Amino acid sequence: MAELKKAFPDIETDLIPSSGGVFDVVVDGKLVFSKKAVGRHAKPGEIVDLLKRTT
């Protein structure tokens, strides 16, 4: 979350606990990244890059 706050100082984030290794990033109801879908965790900077492309 620190990486997101640094790139987008005004961003509001929620960490929603779950089980099973779920890691999804959802922006305005749209799934931007899913660990399950791609079969791996996000690489450093990957989520910030995805968000910059969607905003």
PDB file of N, CA and C in Angstrom:
ATOM      1  N   MET A   1       0.825  -1.183   0.000  1.00  0.00           N
ATOM      2  CA  MET A   1       0.000   0.000   0.000  1.00  0.00           C
ATOM      3  C   MET A   1       0.872   1.251   0.000  1.00  0.00           C
ATOM      4  N   ALA A   2       2.059   1.157   0.563  1.00  0.00           N
ATOM      5  CA  ALA A   2       2.962   2.307   0.579  1.00  0.00           C
ATOM      6  C   ALA A   2       3.317   2.743  -0.834  1.00  0.00           C
ATOM      7  N   GLU A   3       3.506   1.769  -1.714  1.00  0.00           N
ATOM      8  CA  GLU A   3       3.826   2.083  -3.113  1.00  0.00           C
ATOM      9  C   GLU A   3       2.685   2.859  -3.764  1.00  0.00           C
ATOM     10  N   LEU A   4       1.449   2.474  -3.465  1.00  0.00           N
ATOM     11  CA  LEU A   4       0.290   3.170  -4.015  1.00  0.00           C
ATOM     12  C   LEU A   4       0.190   4.584  -3.460  1.00  0.00           C
ATOM     13  N   LYS A   5       0.403   4.736  -2.161  1.00  0.00           N
ATOM     14  CA  LYS A   5       0.321   6.057  -1.523  1.00  0.00           C
ATOM     15  C   LYS A   5       1.395   6.994  -2.072  1.00  0.00           C
ATOM     16  N   LYS A   6       2.572   6.449  -2.359  1.00  0.00           N
ATOM     17  CA  LYS A   6       3.651   7.274  -2.903  1.00  0.00           C
ATOM     18  C   LYS A   6       3.297   7.756  -4.315  1.00  0.00           C
ATOM     19  N   ALA A   7       2.763   6.865  -5.141  1.00  0.00           N
ATOM     20  CA  ALA A   7       2.422   7.206  -6.520  1.00  0.00           C
ATOM     21  C   ALA A   7       1.153   8.045  -6.623  1.00  0.00           C
ATOM     22  N   PHE A   8       0.203   7.795  -5.723  1.00  0.00           N
ATOM     23  CA  PHE A   8      -1.094   8.482  -5.724  1.00  0.00           C
ATOM     24  C   PHE A   8      -1.390   8.963  -4.309  1.00  0.00           C
ATOM     25  N   PRO A   9      -0.836  10.104  -3.897  1.00  0.00           N
ATOM     26  CA  PRO A   9      -0.959  10.560  -2.504  1.00  0.00           C
ATOM     27  C   PRO A   9      -2.399  10.688  -1.997  1.00  0.00           C
ATOM     28  N   ASP A  10      -3.346  10.961  -2.864  1.00  0.00           N
ATOM     29  CA  ASP A  10      -4.735  11.150  -2.442  1.00  0.00           C
ATOM     30  C   ASP A  10      -5.592   9.898  -2.548  1.00  0.00           C
ATOM     31  N   ILE A  11      -4.976   8.763  -2.877  1.00  0.00           N
ATOM     32  CA  ILE A  11      -5.735   7.533  -3.084  1.00  0.00           C
ATOM     33  C   ILE A  11      -6.319   7.023  -1.762  1.00  0.00           C
ATOM     34  N   GLU A  12      -7.511   6.467  -1.848  1.00  0.00           N
ATOM     35  CA  GLU A  12      -8.128   5.804  -0.698  1.00  0.00           C
ATOM     36  C   GLU A  12      -8.078   4.312  -0.966  1.00  0.00           C
ATOM     37  N   THR A  13      -7.524   3.557  -0.021  1.00  0.00           N
ATOM     38  CA  THR A  13      -7.383   2.116  -0.200  1.00  0.00           C
ATOM     39  C   THR A  13      -8.028   1.372   0.952  1.00  0.00           C
ATOM     40  N   ASP A  14      -8.452   0.158   0.682  1.00  0.00           N
ATOM     41  CA  ASP A  14      -8.982  -0.742   1.701  1.00  0.00           C
ATOM     42  C   ASP A  14      -8.295  -2.079   1.541  1.00  0.00           C
ATOM     43  N   LEU A  15      -7.823  -2.609   2.629  1.00  0.00           N
ATOM     44  CA  LEU A  15      -7.274  -3.950   2.644  1.00  0.00           C
ATOM     45  C   LEU A  15      -8.351  -4.845   3.239  1.00  0.00           C
ATOM     46  N   ILE A  16      -8.822  -5.788   2.450  1.00  0.00           N
ATOM     47  CA  ILE A  16      -9.906  -6.657   2.880  1.00  0.00           C
ATOM     48  C   ILE A  16      -9.329  -8.048   3.115  1.00  0.00           C
ATOM     49  N   PRO A  17      -9.265  -8.468   4.385  1.00  0.00           N
ATOM     50  CA  PRO A  17      -8.701  -9.773   4.692  1.00  0.00           C
ATOM     51  C   PRO A  17      -9.499 -10.904   4.027  1.00  0.00           C
ATOM     52  N   SER A  18      -8.776 -11.920   3.578  1.00  0.00           N
ATOM     53  CA  SER A  18      -9.408 -13.099   3.002  1.00  0.00           C
ATOM     54  C   SER A  18      -8.491 -14.288   3.246  1.00  0.00           C
ATOM     55  N   SER A  19      -8.826 -15.405   2.653  1.00  0.00           N
ATOM     56  CA  SER A  19      -7.998 -16.597   2.826  1.00  0.00           C
ATOM     57  C   SER A  19      -7.683 -17.181   1.450  1.00  0.00           C
ATOM     58  N   GLY A  20      -6.768 -18.121   1.424  1.00  0.00           N
ATOM     59  CA  GLY A  20      -6.471 -18.817   0.181  1.00  0.00           C
ATOM     60  C   GLY A  20      -5.526 -18.092  -0.741  1.00  0.00           C
ATOM     61  N   GLY A  21      -4.817 -17.076  -0.262  1.00  0.00           N
ATOM     62  CA  GLY A  21      -3.856 -16.380  -1.103  1.00  0.00           C
ATOM     63  C   GLY A  21      -4.461 -15.449  -2.125  1.00  0.00           C
ATOM     64  N   VAL A  22      -5.678 -14.983  -1.883  1.00  0.00           N
ATOM     65  CA  VAL A  22      -6.349 -14.077  -2.815  1.00  0.00           C
ATOM     66  C   VAL A  22      -5.663 -12.715  -2.771  1.00  0.00           C
ATOM     67  N   PHE A  23      -5.390 -12.160  -3.939  1.00  0.00           N
ATOM     68  CA  PHE A  23      -4.886 -10.796  -4.047  1.00  0.00           C
ATOM     69  C   PHE A  23      -5.492 -10.198  -5.301  1.00  0.00           C
ATOM     70  N   ASP A  24      -6.543  -9.424  -5.107  1.00  0.00           N
ATOM     71  CA  ASP A  24      -7.227  -8.755  -6.208  1.00  0.00           C
ATOM     72  C   ASP A  24      -7.146  -7.250  -5.997  1.00  0.00           C
ATOM     73  N   VAL A  25      -7.002  -6.521  -7.066  1.00  0.00           N
ATOM     74  CA  VAL A  25      -7.045  -5.065  -7.019  1.00  0.00           C
ATOM     75  C   VAL A  25      -8.246  -4.635  -7.840  1.00  0.00           C
ATOM     76  N   VAL A  26      -9.155  -3.926  -7.186  1.00  0.00           N
ATOM     77  CA  VAL A  26     -10.390  -3.482  -7.826  1.00  0.00           C
ATOM     78  C   VAL A  26     -10.454  -1.957  -7.732  1.00  0.00           C
ATOM     79  N   VAL A  27     -10.726  -1.308  -8.862  1.00  0.00           N
ATOM     80  CA  VAL A  27     -10.844   0.149  -8.913  1.00  0.00           C
ATOM     81  C   VAL A  27     -12.218   0.486  -9.464  1.00  0.00           C
ATOM     82  N   ASP A  28     -12.995   1.209  -8.672  1.00  0.00           N
ATOM     83  CA  ASP A  28     -14.345   1.610  -9.093  1.00  0.00           C
ATOM     84  C   ASP A  28     -15.151   0.418  -9.598  1.00  0.00           C
ATOM     85  N   GLY A  29     -15.035  -0.704  -8.897  1.00  0.00           N
ATOM     86  CA  GLY A  29     -15.795  -1.899  -9.248  1.00  0.00           C
ATOM     87  C   GLY A  29     -15.200  -2.739 -10.361  1.00  0.00           C
ATOM     88  N   LYS A  30     -14.094  -2.300 -10.950  1.00  0.00           N
ATOM     89  CA  LYS A  30     -13.471  -3.024 -12.061  1.00  0.00           C
ATOM     90  C   LYS A  30     -12.213  -3.742 -11.574  1.00  0.00           C
ATOM     91  N   LEU A  31     -12.121  -5.032 -11.864  1.00  0.00           N
ATOM     92  CA  LEU A  31     -10.954  -5.820 -11.492  1.00  0.00           C
ATOM     93  C   LEU A  31      -9.770  -5.403 -12.354  1.00  0.00           C
ATOM     94  N   VAL A  32      -8.710  -4.925 -11.709  1.00  0.00           N
ATOM     95  CA  VAL A  32      -7.522  -4.446 -12.409  1.00  0.00           C
ATOM     96  C   VAL A  32      -6.415  -5.492 -12.394  1.00  0.00           C
ATOM     97  N   PHE A  33      -6.322  -6.251 -11.296  1.00  0.00           N
ATOM     98  CA  PHE A  33      -5.310  -7.294 -11.178  1.00  0.00           C
ATOM     99  C   PHE A  33      -5.872  -8.412 -10.320  1.00  0.00           C
ATOM    100  N   SER A  34      -5.604  -9.646 -10.714  1.00  0.00           N
ATOM    101  CA  SER A  34      -6.003 -10.815  -9.942  1.00  0.00           C
ATOM    102  C   SER A  34      -4.854 -11.815  -9.915  1.00  0.00           C
ATOM    103  N   LYS A  35      -4.352 -12.077  -8.724  1.00  0.00           N
ATOM    104  CA  LYS A  35      -3.279 -13.066  -8.566  1.00  0.00           C
ATOM    105  C   LYS A  35      -3.731 -14.426  -9.089  1.00  0.00           C
ATOM    106  N   LYS A  36      -4.968 -14.785  -8.809  1.00  0.00           N
ATOM    107  CA  LYS A  36      -5.490 -16.083  -9.253  1.00  0.00           C
ATOM    108  C   LYS A  36      -5.536 -16.163 -10.782  1.00  0.00           C
ATOM    109  N   ALA A  37      -5.943 -15.088 -11.431  1.00  0.00           N
ATOM    110  CA  ALA A  37      -6.076 -15.087 -12.887  1.00  0.00           C
ATOM    111  C   ALA A  37      -4.728 -15.200 -13.595  1.00  0.00           C
ATOM    112  N   VAL A  38      -3.691 -14.533 -13.040  1.00  0.00           N
ATOM    113  CA  VAL A  38      -2.388 -14.548 -13.706  1.00  0.00           C
ATOM    114  C   VAL A  38      -1.440 -15.589 -13.122  1.00  0.00           C
ATOM    115  N   GLY A  39      -1.826 -16.196 -11.989  1.00  0.00           N
ATOM    116  CA  GLY A  39      -1.035 -17.279 -11.399  1.00  0.00           C
ATOM    117  C   GLY A  39       0.227 -16.839 -10.673  1.00  0.00           C
ATOM    118  N   ARG A  40       0.275 -15.560 -10.282  1.00  0.00           N
ATOM    119  CA  ARG A  40       1.441 -15.054  -9.563  1.00  0.00           C
ATOM    120  C   ARG A  40       1.066 -13.769  -8.839  1.00  0.00           C
ATOM    121  N   HIS A  41       1.923 -13.385  -7.904  1.00  0.00           N
ATOM    122  CA  HIS A  41       1.714 -12.121  -7.210  1.00  0.00           C
ATOM    123  C   HIS A  41       2.207 -10.990  -8.111  1.00  0.00           C
ATOM    124  N   ALA A  42       1.713  -9.805  -7.876  1.00  0.00           N
ATOM    125  CA  ALA A  42       2.138  -8.644  -8.659  1.00  0.00           C
ATOM    126  C   ALA A  42       3.608  -8.345  -8.420  1.00  0.00           C
ATOM    127  N   LYS A  43       4.287  -7.947  -9.480  1.00  0.00           N
ATOM    128  CA  LYS A  43       5.689  -7.538  -9.387  1.00  0.00           C
ATOM    129  C   LYS A  43       5.761  -6.112  -8.851  1.00  0.00           C
ATOM    130  N   PRO A  44       6.893  -5.726  -8.249  1.00  0.00           N
ATOM    131  CA  PRO A  44       7.017  -4.344  -7.771  1.00  0.00           C
ATOM    132  C   PRO A  44       6.730  -3.347  -8.898  1.00  0.00           C
ATOM    133  N   GLY A  45       5.885  -2.388  -8.607  1.00  0.00           N
ATOM    134  CA  GLY A  45       5.533  -1.358  -9.582  1.00  0.00           C
ATOM    135  C   GLY A  45       4.423  -1.745 -10.543  1.00  0.00           C
ATOM    136  N   GLU A  46       4.066  -3.015 -10.607  1.00  0.00           N
ATOM    137  CA  GLU A  46       3.075  -3.471 -11.585  1.00  0.00           C
ATOM    138  C   GLU A  46       1.691  -2.877 -11.330  1.00  0.00           C
ATOM    139  N   ILE A  47       1.254  -2.845 -10.081  1.00  0.00           N
ATOM    140  CA  ILE A  47      -0.073  -2.315  -9.768  1.00  0.00           C
ATOM    141  C   ILE A  47      -0.122  -0.819 -10.063  1.00  0.00           C
ATOM    142  N   VAL A  48       0.923  -0.094  -9.690  1.00  0.00           N
ATOM    143  CA  VAL A  48       0.977   1.341  -9.977  1.00  0.00           C
ATOM    144  C   VAL A  48       0.900   1.573 -11.485  1.00  0.00           C
ATOM    145  N   ASP A  49       1.636   0.796 -12.262  1.00  0.00           N
ATOM    146  CA  ASP A  49       1.582   0.934 -13.727  1.00  0.00           C
ATOM    147  C   ASP A  49       0.184   0.664 -14.262  1.00  0.00           C
ATOM    148  N   LEU A  50      -0.462  -0.375 -13.761  1.00  0.00           N
ATOM    149  CA  LEU A  50      -1.828  -0.695 -14.200  1.00  0.00           C
ATOM    150  C   LEU A  50      -2.787   0.440 -13.861  1.00  0.00           C
ATOM    151  N   LEU A  51      -2.636   0.991 -12.672  1.00  0.00           N
ATOM    152  CA  LEU A  51      -3.522   2.085 -12.252  1.00  0.00           C
ATOM    153  C   LEU A  51      -3.299   3.338 -13.092  1.00  0.00           C
ATOM    154  N   LYS A  52      -2.061   3.609 -13.428  1.00  0.00           N
ATOM    155  CA  LYS A  52      -1.774   4.781 -14.265  1.00  0.00           C
ATOM    156  C   LYS A  52      -2.400   4.633 -15.641  1.00  0.00           C
ATOM    157  N   ARG A  53      -2.491   3.409 -16.138  1.00  0.00           N
ATOM    158  CA  ARG A  53      -3.105   3.177 -17.450  1.00  0.00           C
ATOM    159  C   ARG A  53      -4.616   3.279 -17.406  1.00  0.00           C
ATOM    160  N   THR A  54      -5.215   3.041 -16.223  1.00  0.00           N
ATOM    161  CA  THR A  54      -6.668   3.049 -16.120  1.00  0.00           C
ATOM    162  C   THR A  54      -7.216   4.394 -15.674  1.00  0.00           C
ATOM    163  N   THR A  55      -6.349   5.309 -15.245  1.00  0.00           N
ATOM    164  CA  THR A  55      -6.845   6.605 -14.764  1.00  0.00           C
ATOM    165  C   THR A  55      -6.577   7.689 -15.761  1.00  0.00           C
TER     166      THR A  55
END
